[in-house]
Amino acid sequence: HHIVADGWSTKILLREFTATYTALVNGEDTAAPEEPEFQYADYSAWQDEWLESPQAKRQREHWEAELAGELPVLRLPVTRPPST
């Protein structure tokens, strides 16, 4: 379900749906709510900017070092031998 919508977006959708439905039931104007202060393009631009920052570089270097090297073999108990 998170592929379709996340919790934040679902909350906004439900709030706007409820407001529209309430307005219709009460015979009021159903004009769309004002645009939010930030659009997705604003967030995307901010994210691009942040990814180029020294802080992001430090975090990226940390995790590259942390995850470098051979991956450990994960040995899990099995009920039957693996097929080859």
PDB file of N, CA and C in Angstrom:
ATOM      1  N   HIS A   1       0.801  -1.199   0.000  1.00  0.00           N
ATOM      2  CA  HIS A   1       0.000   0.000   0.000  1.00  0.00           C
ATOM      3  C   HIS A   1       0.847   1.266   0.000  1.00  0.00           C
ATOM      4  N   HIS A   2       2.085   1.189   0.481  1.00  0.00           N
ATOM      5  CA  HIS A   2       2.936   2.382   0.494  1.00  0.00           C
ATOM      6  C   HIS A   2       3.437   2.729  -0.904  1.00  0.00           C
ATOM      7  N   ILE A   3       3.299   1.822  -1.838  1.00  0.00           N
ATOM      8  CA  ILE A   3       3.656   2.135  -3.218  1.00  0.00           C
ATOM      9  C   ILE A   3       2.657   3.144  -3.782  1.00  0.00           C
ATOM     10  N   VAL A   4       1.422   3.042  -3.367  1.00  0.00           N
ATOM     11  CA  VAL A   4       0.360   3.918  -3.869  1.00  0.00           C
ATOM     12  C   VAL A   4       0.394   5.267  -3.178  1.00  0.00           C
ATOM     13  N   ALA A   5       0.527   5.294  -1.863  1.00  0.00           N
ATOM     14  CA  ALA A   5       0.512   6.552  -1.117  1.00  0.00           C
ATOM     15  C   ALA A   5       1.182   6.346   0.234  1.00  0.00           C
ATOM     16  N   ASP A   6       1.900   7.364   0.687  1.00  0.00           N
ATOM     17  CA  ASP A   6       2.510   7.296   2.006  1.00  0.00           C
ATOM     18  C   ASP A   6       1.563   7.903   3.043  1.00  0.00           C
ATOM     19  N   GLY A   7       1.925   7.764   4.303  1.00  0.00           N
ATOM     20  CA  GLY A   7       1.068   8.249   5.386  1.00  0.00           C
ATOM     21  C   GLY A   7       0.830   9.750   5.335  1.00  0.00           C
ATOM     22  N   TRP A   8       1.856  10.510   5.015  1.00  0.00           N
ATOM     23  CA  TRP A   8       1.748  11.962   4.962  1.00  0.00           C
ATOM     24  C   TRP A   8       0.766  12.379   3.877  1.00  0.00           C
ATOM     25  N   SER A   9       0.909  11.803   2.677  1.00  0.00           N
ATOM     26  CA  SER A   9       0.014  12.145   1.568  1.00  0.00           C
ATOM     27  C   SER A   9      -1.416  11.689   1.841  1.00  0.00           C
ATOM     28  N   THR A  10      -1.560  10.509   2.440  1.00  0.00           N
ATOM     29  CA  THR A  10      -2.888   9.998   2.745  1.00  0.00           C
ATOM     30  C   THR A  10      -3.608  10.910   3.727  1.00  0.00           C
ATOM     31  N   LYS A  11      -2.871  11.440   4.716  1.00  0.00           N
ATOM     32  CA  LYS A  11      -3.470  12.345   5.695  1.00  0.00           C
ATOM     33  C   LYS A  11      -3.996  13.616   5.005  1.00  0.00           C
ATOM     34  N   ILE A  12      -3.216  14.163   4.085  1.00  0.00           N
ATOM     35  CA  ILE A  12      -3.641  15.354   3.345  1.00  0.00           C
ATOM     36  C   ILE A  12      -4.874  15.041   2.498  1.00  0.00           C
ATOM     37  N   LEU A  13      -4.843  13.912   1.795  1.00  0.00           N
ATOM     38  CA  LEU A  13      -5.970  13.517   0.952  1.00  0.00           C
ATOM     39  C   LEU A  13      -7.243  13.365   1.782  1.00  0.00           C
ATOM     40  N   LEU A  14      -7.154  12.684   2.905  1.00  0.00           N
ATOM     41  CA  LEU A  14      -8.334  12.491   3.751  1.00  0.00           C
ATOM     42  C   LEU A  14      -8.858  13.807   4.320  1.00  0.00           C
ATOM     43  N   ARG A  15      -7.942  14.697   4.719  1.00  0.00           N
ATOM     44  CA  ARG A  15      -8.364  16.000   5.234  1.00  0.00           C
ATOM     45  C   ARG A  15      -9.119  16.787   4.159  1.00  0.00           C
ATOM     46  N   GLU A  16      -8.586  16.799   2.929  1.00  0.00           N
ATOM     47  CA  GLU A  16      -9.249  17.536   1.849  1.00  0.00           C
ATOM     48  C   GLU A  16     -10.564  16.869   1.434  1.00  0.00           C
ATOM     49  N   PHE A  17     -10.586  15.556   1.411  1.00  0.00           N
ATOM     50  CA  PHE A  17     -11.815  14.835   1.078  1.00  0.00           C
ATOM     51  C   PHE A  17     -12.900  15.127   2.117  1.00  0.00           C
ATOM     52  N   THR A  18     -12.523  15.080   3.389  1.00  0.00           N
ATOM     53  CA  THR A  18     -13.483  15.354   4.463  1.00  0.00           C
ATOM     54  C   THR A  18     -14.022  16.774   4.370  1.00  0.00           C
ATOM     55  N   ALA A  19     -13.149  17.735   4.106  1.00  0.00           N
ATOM     56  CA  ALA A  19     -13.591  19.132   3.991  1.00  0.00           C
ATOM     57  C   ALA A  19     -14.549  19.306   2.814  1.00  0.00           C
ATOM     58  N   THR A  20     -14.243  18.677   1.685  1.00  0.00           N
ATOM     59  CA  THR A  20     -15.113  18.781   0.511  1.00  0.00           C
ATOM     60  C   THR A  20     -16.460  18.118   0.771  1.00  0.00           C
ATOM     61  N   TYR A  21     -16.434  16.929   1.360  1.00  0.00           N
ATOM     62  CA  TYR A  21     -17.667  16.212   1.651  1.00  0.00           C
ATOM     63  C   TYR A  21     -18.540  17.010   2.625  1.00  0.00           C
ATOM     64  N   THR A  22     -17.929  17.540   3.671  1.00  0.00           N
ATOM     65  CA  THR A  22     -18.667  18.338   4.657  1.00  0.00           C
ATOM     66  C   THR A  22     -19.294  19.559   4.001  1.00  0.00           C
ATOM     67  N   ALA A  23     -18.534  20.218   3.120  1.00  0.00           N
ATOM     68  CA  ALA A  23     -19.061  21.395   2.421  1.00  0.00           C
ATOM     69  C   ALA A  23     -20.238  21.008   1.534  1.00  0.00           C
ATOM     70  N   LEU A  24     -20.145  19.894   0.829  1.00  0.00           N
ATOM     71  CA  LEU A  24     -21.248  19.439  -0.028  1.00  0.00           C
ATOM     72  C   LEU A  24     -22.496  19.130   0.797  1.00  0.00           C
ATOM     73  N   VAL A  25     -22.322  18.435   1.902  1.00  0.00           N
ATOM     74  CA  VAL A  25     -23.447  18.078   2.764  1.00  0.00           C
ATOM     75  C   VAL A  25     -24.123  19.338   3.309  1.00  0.00           C
ATOM     76  N   ASN A  26     -23.337  20.367   3.635  1.00  0.00           N
ATOM     77  CA  ASN A  26     -23.871  21.605   4.202  1.00  0.00           C
ATOM     78  C   ASN A  26     -24.261  22.629   3.146  1.00  0.00           C
ATOM     79  N   GLY A  27     -24.153  22.252   1.859  1.00  0.00           N
ATOM     80  CA  GLY A  27     -24.517  23.173   0.790  1.00  0.00           C
ATOM     81  C   GLY A  27     -23.584  24.364   0.657  1.00  0.00           C
ATOM     82  N   GLU A  28     -22.342  24.201   1.076  1.00  0.00           N
ATOM     83  CA  GLU A  28     -21.365  25.287   1.012  1.00  0.00           C
ATOM     84  C   GLU A  28     -20.498  25.159  -0.246  1.00  0.00           C
ATOM     85  N   ASP A  29     -19.692  26.181  -0.490  1.00  0.00           N
ATOM     86  CA  ASP A  29     -18.766  26.187  -1.625  1.00  0.00           C
ATOM     87  C   ASP A  29     -17.726  25.085  -1.432  1.00  0.00           C
ATOM     88  N   THR A  30     -17.422  24.366  -2.498  1.00  0.00           N
ATOM     89  CA  THR A  30     -16.456  23.267  -2.415  1.00  0.00           C
ATOM     90  C   THR A  30     -15.153  23.625  -3.117  1.00  0.00           C
ATOM     91  N   ALA A  31     -14.783  24.886  -3.088  1.00  0.00           N
ATOM     92  CA  ALA A  31     -13.537  25.312  -3.729  1.00  0.00           C
ATOM     93  C   ALA A  31     -12.362  24.535  -3.146  1.00  0.00           C
ATOM     94  N   ALA A  32     -11.418  24.246  -4.008  1.00  0.00           N
ATOM     95  CA  ALA A  32     -10.233  23.503  -3.572  1.00  0.00           C
ATOM     96  C   ALA A  32      -9.451  24.332  -2.557  1.00  0.00           C
ATOM     97  N   PRO A  33      -8.795  23.663  -1.616  1.00  0.00           N
ATOM     98  CA  PRO A  33      -7.993  24.400  -0.640  1.00  0.00           C
ATOM     99  C   PRO A  33      -6.816  25.094  -1.330  1.00  0.00           C
ATOM    100  N   GLU A  34      -6.266  26.091  -0.645  1.00  0.00           N
ATOM    101  CA  GLU A  34      -5.109  26.792  -1.183  1.00  0.00           C
ATOM    102  C   GLU A  34      -3.952  25.822  -1.383  1.00  0.00           C
ATOM    103  N   GLU A  35      -3.084  26.173  -2.327  1.00  0.00           N
ATOM    104  CA  GLU A  35      -1.903  25.341  -2.549  1.00  0.00           C
ATOM    105  C   GLU A  35      -1.026  25.367  -1.302  1.00  0.00           C
ATOM    106  N   PRO A  36      -0.390  24.257  -1.015  1.00  0.00           N
ATOM    107  CA  PRO A  36       0.518  24.245   0.131  1.00  0.00           C
ATOM    108  C   PRO A  36       1.685  25.210  -0.096  1.00  0.00           C
ATOM    109  N   GLU A  37       2.312  25.605   1.004  1.00  0.00           N
ATOM    110  CA  GLU A  37       3.420  26.548   0.918  1.00  0.00           C
ATOM    111  C   GLU A  37       4.578  25.971   0.102  1.00  0.00           C
ATOM    112  N   PHE A  38       4.804  24.657   0.225  1.00  0.00           N
ATOM    113  CA  PHE A  38       5.890  23.996  -0.500  1.00  0.00           C
ATOM    114  C   PHE A  38       5.313  22.973  -1.455  1.00  0.00           C
ATOM    115  N   GLN A  39       5.849  22.924  -2.636  1.00  0.00           N
ATOM    116  CA  GLN A  39       5.465  21.938  -3.630  1.00  0.00           C
ATOM    117  C   GLN A  39       6.542  20.847  -3.670  1.00  0.00           C
ATOM    118  N   TYR A  40       6.236  19.747  -4.347  1.00  0.00           N
ATOM    119  CA  TYR A  40       7.217  18.667  -4.449  1.00  0.00           C
ATOM    120  C   TYR A  40       8.504  19.152  -5.108  1.00  0.00           C
ATOM    121  N   ALA A  41       8.391  20.025  -6.103  1.00  0.00           N
ATOM    122  CA  ALA A  41       9.578  20.545  -6.781  1.00  0.00           C
ATOM    123  C   ALA A  41      10.483  21.285  -5.797  1.00  0.00           C
ATOM    124  N   ASP A  42       9.892  21.980  -4.811  1.00  0.00           N
ATOM    125  CA  ASP A  42      10.690  22.661  -3.788  1.00  0.00           C
ATOM    126  C   ASP A  42      11.472  21.640  -2.962  1.00  0.00           C
ATOM    127  N   TYR A  43      10.794  20.576  -2.562  1.00  0.00           N
ATOM    128  CA  TYR A  43      11.449  19.531  -1.778  1.00  0.00           C
ATOM    129  C   TYR A  43      12.559  18.877  -2.596  1.00  0.00           C
ATOM    130  N   SER A  44      12.288  18.609  -3.848  1.00  0.00           N
ATOM    131  CA  SER A  44      13.272  17.977  -4.718  1.00  0.00           C
ATOM    132  C   SER A  44      14.511  18.850  -4.881  1.00  0.00           C
ATOM    133  N   ALA A  45      14.317  20.154  -5.064  1.00  0.00           N
ATOM    134  CA  ALA A  45      15.442  21.082  -5.187  1.00  0.00           C
ATOM    135  C   ALA A  45      16.242  21.125  -3.882  1.00  0.00           C
ATOM    136  N   TRP A  46      15.548  21.138  -2.748  1.00  0.00           N
ATOM    137  CA  TRP A  46      16.220  21.131  -1.456  1.00  0.00           C
ATOM    138  C   TRP A  46      17.034  19.856  -1.279  1.00  0.00           C
ATOM    139  N   GLN A  47      16.461  18.728  -1.692  1.00  0.00           N
ATOM    140  CA  GLN A  47      17.139  17.439  -1.556  1.00  0.00           C
ATOM    141  C   GLN A  47      18.402  17.418  -2.424  1.00  0.00           C
ATOM    142  N   ASP A  48      18.302  17.897  -3.649  1.00  0.00           N
ATOM    143  CA  ASP A  48      19.480  17.960  -4.523  1.00  0.00           C
ATOM    144  C   ASP A  48      20.575  18.816  -3.905  1.00  0.00           C
ATOM    145  N   GLU A  49      20.183  19.940  -3.350  1.00  0.00           N
ATOM    146  CA  GLU A  49      21.124  20.849  -2.701  1.00  0.00           C
ATOM    147  C   GLU A  49      21.788  20.175  -1.509  1.00  0.00           C
ATOM    148  N   TRP A  50      21.003  19.496  -0.700  1.00  0.00           N
ATOM    149  CA  TRP A  50      21.528  18.834   0.487  1.00  0.00           C
ATOM    150  C   TRP A  50      22.500  17.723   0.117  1.00  0.00           C
ATOM    151  N   LEU A  51      22.194  16.981  -0.943  1.00  0.00           N
ATOM    152  CA  LEU A  51      23.060  15.869  -1.339  1.00  0.00           C
ATOM    153  C   LEU A  51      24.451  16.330  -1.744  1.00  0.00           C
ATOM    154  N   GLU A  52      24.587  17.592  -2.091  1.00  0.00           N
ATOM    155  CA  GLU A  52      25.889  18.155  -2.441  1.00  0.00           C
ATOM    156  C   GLU A  52      26.588  18.801  -1.245  1.00  0.00           C
ATOM    157  N   SER A  53      25.977  18.799  -0.085  1.00  0.00           N
ATOM    158  CA  SER A  53      26.524  19.477   1.090  1.00  0.00           C
ATOM    159  C   SER A  53      27.653  18.669   1.734  1.00  0.00           C
ATOM    160  N   PRO A  54      28.512  19.340   2.514  1.00  0.00           N
ATOM    161  CA  PRO A  54      29.576  18.636   3.244  1.00  0.00           C
ATOM    162  C   PRO A  54      29.015  17.595   4.225  1.00  0.00           C
ATOM    163  N   GLN A  55      27.886  17.895   4.844  1.00  0.00           N
ATOM    164  CA  GLN A  55      27.277  16.929   5.788  1.00  0.00           C
ATOM    165  C   GLN A  55      26.895  15.643   5.060  1.00  0.00           C
ATOM    166  N   ALA A  56      26.269  15.761   3.904  1.00  0.00           N
ATOM    167  CA  ALA A  56      25.882  14.570   3.145  1.00  0.00           C
ATOM    168  C   ALA A  56      27.119  13.796   2.720  1.00  0.00           C
ATOM    169  N   LYS A  57      28.167  14.518   2.329  1.00  0.00           N
ATOM    170  CA  LYS A  57      29.408  13.860   1.919  1.00  0.00           C
ATOM    171  C   LYS A  57      29.989  13.062   3.080  1.00  0.00           C
ATOM    172  N   ARG A  58      30.018  13.653   4.285  1.00  0.00           N
ATOM    173  CA  ARG A  58      30.525  12.940   5.469  1.00  0.00           C
ATOM    174  C   ARG A  58      29.702  11.686   5.750  1.00  0.00           C
ATOM    175  N   GLN A  59      28.374  11.819   5.674  1.00  0.00           N
ATOM    176  CA  GLN A  59      27.516  10.658   5.936  1.00  0.00           C
ATOM    177  C   GLN A  59      27.718   9.570   4.886  1.00  0.00           C
ATOM    178  N   ARG A  60      27.839   9.963   3.620  1.00  0.00           N
ATOM    179  CA  ARG A  60      28.061   8.997   2.547  1.00  0.00           C
ATOM    180  C   ARG A  60      29.393   8.267   2.758  1.00  0.00           C
ATOM    181  N   GLU A  61      30.453   9.028   3.093  1.00  0.00           N
ATOM    182  CA  GLU A  61      31.769   8.416   3.340  1.00  0.00           C
ATOM    183  C   GLU A  61      31.718   7.462   4.529  1.00  0.00           C
ATOM    184  N   HIS A  62      30.990   7.852   5.580  1.00  0.00           N
ATOM    185  CA  HIS A  62      30.859   6.985   6.754  1.00  0.00           C
ATOM    186  C   HIS A  62      30.245   5.640   6.365  1.00  0.00           C
ATOM    187  N   TRP A  63      29.139   5.672   5.647  1.00  0.00           N
ATOM    188  CA  TRP A  63      28.446   4.430   5.320  1.00  0.00           C
ATOM    189  C   TRP A  63      29.186   3.616   4.263  1.00  0.00           C
ATOM    190  N   GLU A  64      29.902   4.300   3.374  1.00  0.00           N
ATOM    191  CA  GLU A  64      30.722   3.546   2.413  1.00  0.00           C
ATOM    192  C   GLU A  64      31.816   2.778   3.148  1.00  0.00           C
ATOM    193  N   ALA A  65      32.434   3.415   4.160  1.00  0.00           N
ATOM    194  CA  ALA A  65      33.454   2.733   4.950  1.00  0.00           C
ATOM    195  C   ALA A  65      32.834   1.627   5.804  1.00  0.00           C
ATOM    196  N   GLU A  66      31.700   1.916   6.403  1.00  0.00           N
ATOM    197  CA  GLU A  66      31.023   0.941   7.270  1.00  0.00           C
ATOM    198  C   GLU A  66      30.606  -0.314   6.505  1.00  0.00           C
ATOM    199  N   LEU A  67      30.186  -0.132   5.272  1.00  0.00           N
ATOM    200  CA  LEU A  67      29.656  -1.253   4.491  1.00  0.00           C
ATOM    201  C   LEU A  67      30.677  -1.827   3.498  1.00  0.00           C
ATOM    202  N   ALA A  68      31.917  -1.366   3.561  1.00  0.00           N
ATOM    203  CA  ALA A  68      32.949  -1.842   2.635  1.00  0.00           C
ATOM    204  C   ALA A  68      33.368  -3.267   2.995  1.00  0.00           C
ATOM    205  N   GLY A  69      33.942  -3.928   2.036  1.00  0.00           N
ATOM    206  CA  GLY A  69      34.501  -5.260   2.279  1.00  0.00           C
ATOM    207  C   GLY A  69      33.535  -6.376   1.923  1.00  0.00           C
ATOM    208  N   GLU A  70      33.968  -7.565   2.260  1.00  0.00           N
ATOM    209  CA  GLU A  70      33.181  -8.763   1.974  1.00  0.00           C
ATOM    210  C   GLU A  70      31.908  -8.779   2.805  1.00  0.00           C
ATOM    211  N   LEU A  71      30.864  -9.222   2.204  1.00  0.00           N
ATOM    212  CA  LEU A  71      29.626  -9.423   2.955  1.00  0.00           C
ATOM    213  C   LEU A  71      29.708 -10.756   3.685  1.00  0.00           C
ATOM    214  N   PRO A  72      29.241 -10.802   4.913  1.00  0.00           N
ATOM    215  CA  PRO A  72      29.287 -12.081   5.632  1.00  0.00           C
ATOM    216  C   PRO A  72      28.284 -13.074   5.027  1.00  0.00           C
ATOM    217  N   VAL A  73      28.635 -14.338   5.124  1.00  0.00           N
ATOM    218  CA  VAL A  73      27.720 -15.380   4.663  1.00  0.00           C
ATOM    219  C   VAL A  73      26.674 -15.564   5.749  1.00  0.00           C
ATOM    220  N   LEU A  74      25.432 -15.509   5.358  1.00  0.00           N
ATOM    221  CA  LEU A  74      24.348 -15.666   6.313  1.00  0.00           C
ATOM    222  C   LEU A  74      23.941 -17.133   6.343  1.00  0.00           C
ATOM    223  N   ARG A  75      24.174 -17.755   7.446  1.00  0.00           N
ATOM    224  CA  ARG A  75      23.846 -19.183   7.582  1.00  0.00           C
ATOM    225  C   ARG A  75      22.600 -19.308   8.444  1.00  0.00           C
ATOM    226  N   LEU A  76      21.511 -19.660   7.801  1.00  0.00           N
ATOM    227  CA  LEU A  76      20.245 -19.813   8.498  1.00  0.00           C
ATOM    228  C   LEU A  76      19.894 -21.287   8.613  1.00  0.00           C
ATOM    229  N   PRO A  77      19.223 -21.650   9.690  1.00  0.00           N
ATOM    230  CA  PRO A  77      18.785 -23.044   9.794  1.00  0.00           C
ATOM    231  C   PRO A  77      17.709 -23.317   8.745  1.00  0.00           C
ATOM    232  N   VAL A  78      17.843 -24.458   8.115  1.00  0.00           N
ATOM    233  CA  VAL A  78      16.867 -24.826   7.080  1.00  0.00           C
ATOM    234  C   VAL A  78      16.276 -26.177   7.382  1.00  0.00           C
ATOM    235  N   THR A  79      15.106 -26.422   6.842  1.00  0.00           N
ATOM    236  CA  THR A  79      14.459 -27.715   7.072  1.00  0.00           C
ATOM    237  C   THR A  79      14.849 -28.740   6.024  1.00  0.00           C
ATOM    238  N   ARG A  80      15.434 -28.277   4.916  1.00  0.00           N
ATOM    239  CA  ARG A  80      15.925 -29.200   3.889  1.00  0.00           C
ATOM    240  C   ARG A  80      17.137 -28.579   3.213  1.00  0.00           C
ATOM    241  N   PRO A  81      17.994 -29.391   2.647  1.00  0.00           N
ATOM    242  CA  PRO A  81      19.197 -28.847   2.008  1.00  0.00           C
ATOM    243  C   PRO A  81      18.831 -28.002   0.791  1.00  0.00           C
ATOM    244  N   PRO A  82      19.668 -26.996   0.484  1.00  0.00           N
ATOM    245  CA  PRO A  82      19.368 -26.175  -0.685  1.00  0.00           C
ATOM    246  C   PRO A  82      19.512 -26.977  -1.977  1.00  0.00           C
ATOM    247  N   SER A  83      18.683 -26.639  -2.947  1.00  0.00           N
ATOM    248  CA  SER A  83      18.787 -27.319  -4.238  1.00  0.00           C
ATOM    249  C   SER A  83      19.837 -26.639  -5.094  1.00  0.00           C
ATOM    250  N   THR A  84      20.549 -27.423  -5.858  1.00  0.00           N
ATOM    251  CA  THR A  84      21.588 -26.834  -6.721  1.00  0.00           C
ATOM    252  C   THR A  84      21.281 -27.014  -8.170  1.00  0.00           C
TER     253      THR A  84
END
